[in-house]
C-alpha atoms as a PDB file:
ATOM      1  CA  MET A   1       0.000   0.000   0.000  1.00  0.00           C
ATOM      2  CA  ARG A   2       1.355   3.396  -0.934  1.00  0.00           C
ATOM      3  CA  ARG A   3       2.585   5.619   1.876  1.00  0.00           C
ATOM      4  CA  TYR A   4       2.309   9.399   1.905  1.00  0.00           C
ATOM      5  CA  GLY A   5       4.007  11.756   4.329  1.00  0.00           C
ATOM      6  CA  GLU A   6       6.707  10.942   6.831  1.00  0.00           C
ATOM      7  CA  PRO A   7       8.322   7.489   6.900  1.00  0.00           C
ATOM      8  CA  ARG A   8       7.812   5.137   9.826  1.00  0.00           C
ATOM      9  CA  ARG A   9      10.111   6.089  12.711  1.00  0.00           C
ATOM     10  CA  PRO A  10      11.920   3.114  14.274  1.00  0.00           C
ATOM     11  CA  ASP A  11      11.907   4.761  17.716  1.00  0.00           C
ATOM     12  CA  VAL A  12       8.097   5.128  17.855  1.00  0.00           C
ATOM     13  CA  LYS A  13       5.405   2.572  18.724  1.00  0.00           C
ATOM     14  CA  TYR A  14       2.445   3.234  16.429  1.00  0.00           C
ATOM     15  CA  THR A  15      -1.193   2.342  17.020  1.00  0.00           C
ATOM     16  CA  GLU A  16      -3.003   1.136  13.905  1.00  0.00           C
ATOM     17  CA  ARG A  17      -5.834   3.555  13.160  1.00  0.00           C
ATOM     18  CA  PRO A  18      -8.060   2.738  10.171  1.00  0.00           C
ATOM     19  CA  GLY A  19     -10.219   5.554   8.864  1.00  0.00           C
ATOM     20  CA  ALA A  20     -12.654   6.399   6.070  1.00  0.00           C
ATOM     21  CA  TYR A  21     -12.598   9.709   4.194  1.00  0.00           C
ATOM     22  CA  GLY A  22     -14.785  11.177   1.477  1.00  0.00           C
ATOM     23  CA  ILE A  23     -14.114  13.122  -1.678  1.00  0.00           C
ATOM     24  CA  ILE A  24     -17.562  14.693  -1.610  1.00  0.00           C
ATOM     25  CA  ALA A  25     -18.087  16.303  -4.989  1.00  0.00           C
ATOM     26  CA  GLN A  26     -20.808  18.453  -6.448  1.00  0.00           C
ATOM     27  CA  GLY A  27     -19.666  19.208  -9.971  1.00  0.00           C
ATOM     28  CA  MET A  28     -16.131  20.563  -9.621  1.00  0.00           C
ATOM     29  CA  ASP A  29     -16.641  21.659  -5.994  1.00  0.00           C
ATOM     30  CA  LEU A  30     -15.674  19.682  -2.900  1.00  0.00           C
ATOM     31  CA  LEU A  31     -17.182  19.618   0.569  1.00  0.00           C
ATOM     32  CA  LEU A  32     -14.238  19.823   2.951  1.00  0.00           C
ATOM     33  CA  THR A  33     -13.768  20.400   6.639  1.00  0.00           C
ATOM     34  CA  LEU A  34     -11.707  23.161   8.200  1.00  0.00           C
ATOM     35  CA  GLN A  35     -10.373  21.909  11.525  1.00  0.00           C
ATOM     36  CA  VAL A  36      -8.791  24.433  13.848  1.00  0.00           C
ATOM     37  CA  LEU A  37      -6.776  23.053  16.759  1.00  0.00           C
ATOM     38  CA  LYS A  38      -3.242  24.428  16.993  1.00  0.00           C
ATOM     39  CA  LYS A  39      -3.357  25.598  13.376  1.00  0.00           C
ATOM     40  CA  PRO A  40      -6.070  25.608  10.699  1.00  0.00           C
ATOM     41  CA  GLU A  41      -6.118  22.461   8.531  1.00  0.00           C
ATOM     42  CA  ILE A  42      -8.248  21.820   5.448  1.00  0.00           C
ATOM     43  CA  GLN A  43      -9.120  18.127   5.266  1.00  0.00           C
ATOM     44  CA  LEU A  44     -11.310  15.613   3.526  1.00  0.00           C
ATOM     45  CA  PRO A  45     -14.222  14.890   5.877  1.00  0.00           C
ATOM     46  CA  GLY A  46     -13.953  11.568   7.647  1.00  0.00           C
ATOM     47  CA  GLY A  47     -12.119   9.872  10.446  1.00  0.00           C
ATOM     48  CA  GLY A  48     -11.544   6.788  12.511  1.00  0.00           C
ATOM     49  CA  ILE A  49     -13.505   3.578  12.114  1.00  0.00           C
ATOM     50  CA  ASP A  50     -14.864   2.579  15.530  1.00  0.00           C
ATOM     51  CA  PRO A  51     -15.019  -1.075  16.637  1.00  0.00           C
ATOM     52  CA  GLY A  52     -18.079  -2.746  15.093  1.00  0.00           C
ATOM     53  CA  GLU A  53     -18.400  -0.162  12.288  1.00  0.00           C
ATOM     54  CA  THR A  54     -17.867  -0.763   8.610  1.00  0.00           C
ATOM     55  CA  PRO A  55     -15.798   1.832   6.746  1.00  0.00           C
ATOM     56  CA  THR A  56     -18.913   3.274   5.091  1.00  0.00           C
ATOM     57  CA  GLN A  57     -20.797   3.462   8.408  1.00  0.00           C
ATOM     58  CA  ALA A  58     -17.840   5.376   9.873  1.00  0.00           C
ATOM     59  CA  LEU A  59     -17.724   7.637   6.827  1.00  0.00           C
ATOM     60  CA  HIS A  60     -21.411   8.564   7.139  1.00  0.00           C
ATOM     61  CA  ARG A  61     -21.014   9.261  10.881  1.00  0.00           C
ATOM     62  CA  GLU A  62     -17.790  11.262  10.559  1.00  0.00           C
ATOM     63  CA  VAL A  63     -18.988  13.360   7.604  1.00  0.00           C
ATOM     64  CA  PHE A  64     -22.170  14.240   9.484  1.00  0.00           C
ATOM     65  CA  GLU A  65     -20.231  15.166  12.647  1.00  0.00           C
ATOM     66  CA  GLU A  66     -17.689  17.298  10.766  1.00  0.00           C
ATOM     67  CA  THR A  67     -19.942  18.967   8.168  1.00  0.00           C
ATOM     68  CA  GLY A  68     -23.612  18.463   9.101  1.00  0.00           C
ATOM     69  CA  TYR A  69     -24.273  16.803   5.729  1.00  0.00           C
ATOM     70  CA  ARG A  70     -25.756  13.447   4.801  1.00  0.00           C
ATOM     71  CA  ILE A  71     -23.967  11.869   1.834  1.00  0.00           C
ATOM     72  CA  ILE A  72     -24.357   9.214  -0.846  1.00  0.00           C
ATOM     73  CA  VAL A  73     -21.320   6.955  -1.190  1.00  0.00           C
ATOM     74  CA  GLN A  74     -20.709   6.189  -4.857  1.00  0.00           C
ATOM     75  CA  LYS A  75     -17.593   4.012  -4.803  1.00  0.00           C
ATOM     76  CA  ARG A  76     -14.380   3.161  -2.998  1.00  0.00           C
ATOM     77  CA  LEU A  77     -11.365   4.704  -4.728  1.00  0.00           C
ATOM     78  CA  GLY A  78      -8.599   2.983  -2.779  1.00  0.00           C
ATOM     79  CA  ALA A  79      -6.481   3.375   0.324  1.00  0.00           C
ATOM     80  CA  TYR A  80      -3.123   4.694   1.463  1.00  0.00           C
ATOM     81  CA  GLN A  81      -1.140   4.715   4.680  1.00  0.00           C
ATOM     82  CA  ARG A  82       0.621   7.394   6.640  1.00  0.00           C
ATOM     83  CA  PHE A  83       2.449   7.663   9.937  1.00  0.00           C
ATOM     84  CA  SER A  84       1.636  10.668  12.080  1.00  0.00           C
ATOM     85  CA  TYR A  85       1.284  12.056  15.560  1.00  0.00           C
ATOM     86  CA  MET A  86      -2.302  12.875  16.574  1.00  0.00           C
ATOM     87  CA  PRO A  87      -2.007  15.557  19.254  1.00  0.00           C
ATOM     88  CA  GLU A  88      -5.749  15.523  20.055  1.00  0.00           C
ATOM     89  CA  TYR A  89      -5.305  11.895  21.209  1.00  0.00           C
ATOM     90  CA  ASP A  90      -1.622  12.092  22.262  1.00  0.00           C
ATOM     91  CA  LEU A  91      -1.089   9.129  19.925  1.00  0.00           C
ATOM     92  CA  TRP A  92       1.392   8.043  17.284  1.00  0.00           C
ATOM     93  CA  ALA A  93      -0.776   6.474  14.590  1.00  0.00           C
ATOM     94  CA  HIS A  94      -0.268   4.217  11.603  1.00  0.00           C
ATOM     95  CA  LYS A  95      -3.248   5.507   9.669  1.00  0.00           C
ATOM     96  CA  ILE A  96      -4.857   3.344   6.989  1.00  0.00           C
ATOM     97  CA  CYS A  97      -6.963   5.825   5.024  1.00  0.00           C
ATOM     98  CA  HIS A  98      -9.820   4.387   2.909  1.00  0.00           C
ATOM     99  CA  ILE A  99     -10.979   6.952   0.344  1.00  0.00           C
ATOM    100  CA  TYR A 100     -14.495   7.045  -1.146  1.00  0.00           C
ATOM    101  CA  LEU A 101     -16.072   9.134  -3.876  1.00  0.00           C
ATOM    102  CA  CYS A 102     -19.340  10.596  -2.597  1.00  0.00           C
ATOM    103  CA  ARG A 103     -21.882  13.263  -3.332  1.00  0.00           C
ATOM    104  CA  PRO A 104     -23.756  15.455  -0.880  1.00  0.00           C
ATOM    105  CA  ALA A 105     -27.372  14.503  -0.232  1.00  0.00           C
ATOM    106  CA  LEU A 106     -28.732  16.945   2.338  1.00  0.00           C
ATOM    107  CA  LYS A 107     -27.432  19.507   4.797  1.00  0.00           C
ATOM    108  CA  ILE A 108     -29.052  18.756   8.149  1.00  0.00           C
ATOM    109  CA  CYS A 109     -27.238  21.145  10.500  1.00  0.00           C
ATOM    110  CA  ASP A 110     -23.981  22.886  11.224  1.00  0.00           C
ATOM    111  CA  PRO A 111     -21.075  20.606  12.199  1.00  0.00           C
ATOM    112  CA  ILE A 112     -21.479  19.052  15.638  1.00  0.00           C
ATOM    113  CA  GLU A 113     -17.794  18.129  16.019  1.00  0.00           C
ATOM    114  CA  PRO A 114     -15.981  20.899  17.938  1.00  0.00           C
ATOM    115  CA  ASN A 115     -13.403  22.913  15.997  1.00  0.00           C
ATOM    116  CA  HIS A 116     -14.801  21.897  12.555  1.00  0.00           C
ATOM    117  CA  THR A 117     -16.385  24.075   9.881  1.00  0.00           C
ATOM    118  CA  ALA A 118     -17.886  22.846   6.612  1.00  0.00           C
ATOM    119  CA  LEU A 119     -16.146  24.433   3.649  1.00  0.00           C
ATOM    120  CA  TRP A 120     -16.915  24.320  -0.088  1.00  0.00           C
ATOM    121  CA  MET A 121     -13.969  24.801  -2.429  1.00  0.00           C
ATOM    122  CA  GLY A 122     -13.198  24.131  -6.065  1.00  0.00           C
ATOM    123  CA  ALA A 123     -11.394  20.806  -6.485  1.00  0.00           C
ATOM    124  CA  ILE A 124      -8.462  22.366  -8.347  1.00  0.00           C
ATOM    125  CA  GLU A 125      -8.014  25.026  -5.633  1.00  0.00           C
ATOM    126  CA  ALA A 126      -8.397  22.442  -2.871  1.00  0.00           C
ATOM    127  CA  GLN A 127      -5.736  20.030  -4.047  1.00  0.00           C
ATOM    128  CA  PRO A 128      -2.672  22.125  -3.034  1.00  0.00           C
ATOM    129  CA  VAL A 129      -4.146  23.247   0.318  1.00  0.00           C
ATOM    130  CA  LEU A 130      -5.296  19.885   1.669  1.00  0.00           C
ATOM    131  CA  GLU A 131      -3.438  19.070   4.870  1.00  0.00           C
ATOM    132  CA  ASN A 132      -2.016  15.764   3.747  1.00  0.00           C
ATOM    133  CA  THR A 133      -0.542  14.681   0.457  1.00  0.00           C
ATOM    134  CA  GLY A 134      -2.443  11.387   0.332  1.00  0.00           C
ATOM    135  CA  ASP A 135      -5.773  13.204   0.256  1.00  0.00           C
ATOM    136  CA  ALA A 136      -4.428  15.599  -2.387  1.00  0.00           C
ATOM    137  CA  ALA A 137      -3.231  12.686  -4.528  1.00  0.00           C
ATOM    138  CA  PHE A 138      -6.695  11.075  -4.516  1.00  0.00           C
ATOM    139  CA  VAL A 139      -8.345  14.408  -5.373  1.00  0.00           C
ATOM    140  CA  GLY A 140      -5.860  14.652  -8.258  1.00  0.00           C
ATOM    141  CA  GLN A 141      -6.801  11.133  -9.350  1.00  0.00           C
ATOM    142  CA  VAL A 142     -10.484  12.141  -9.544  1.00  0.00           C
ATOM    143  CA  PHE A 143     -10.149  15.652 -10.984  1.00  0.00           C
ATOM    144  CA  GLY A 144      -6.786  15.517 -12.754  1.00  0.00           C
ATOM    145  CA  LYS A 145      -3.446  16.657 -11.419  1.00  0.00           C
ATOM    146  CA  HIS A 146      -2.961  20.407 -11.563  1.00  0.00           C
END
């Protein structure tokens, strides 16, 4: 599986953390999430898969929490891995990121996840500002590399 970002550090014990993330497209626009903790980060909506959840169940839950939208999952695009520190959990994670192509169905409410804001942005403009290169690569796969 392709890795994006920093290589695995031999001095760190990583916790495996599978997650599901959506490229939520309406025409050439993407529904993203702006997360502000220590610094603002533009991300694909999604997150960790909880025990007992399927990846698509987790995707629906996470997208709703982070954006307030219900979505329609169209297809799985693939997966990648990355190694990162998650300060909100004080955890070194080996993230397995499952990426899905989706479309928005209905906005129900504002995001319920603290520190998240729903954000619409053109796919071409979004690609270079996404927080991690794996997400940007999958957006490039869908919309063409620019």
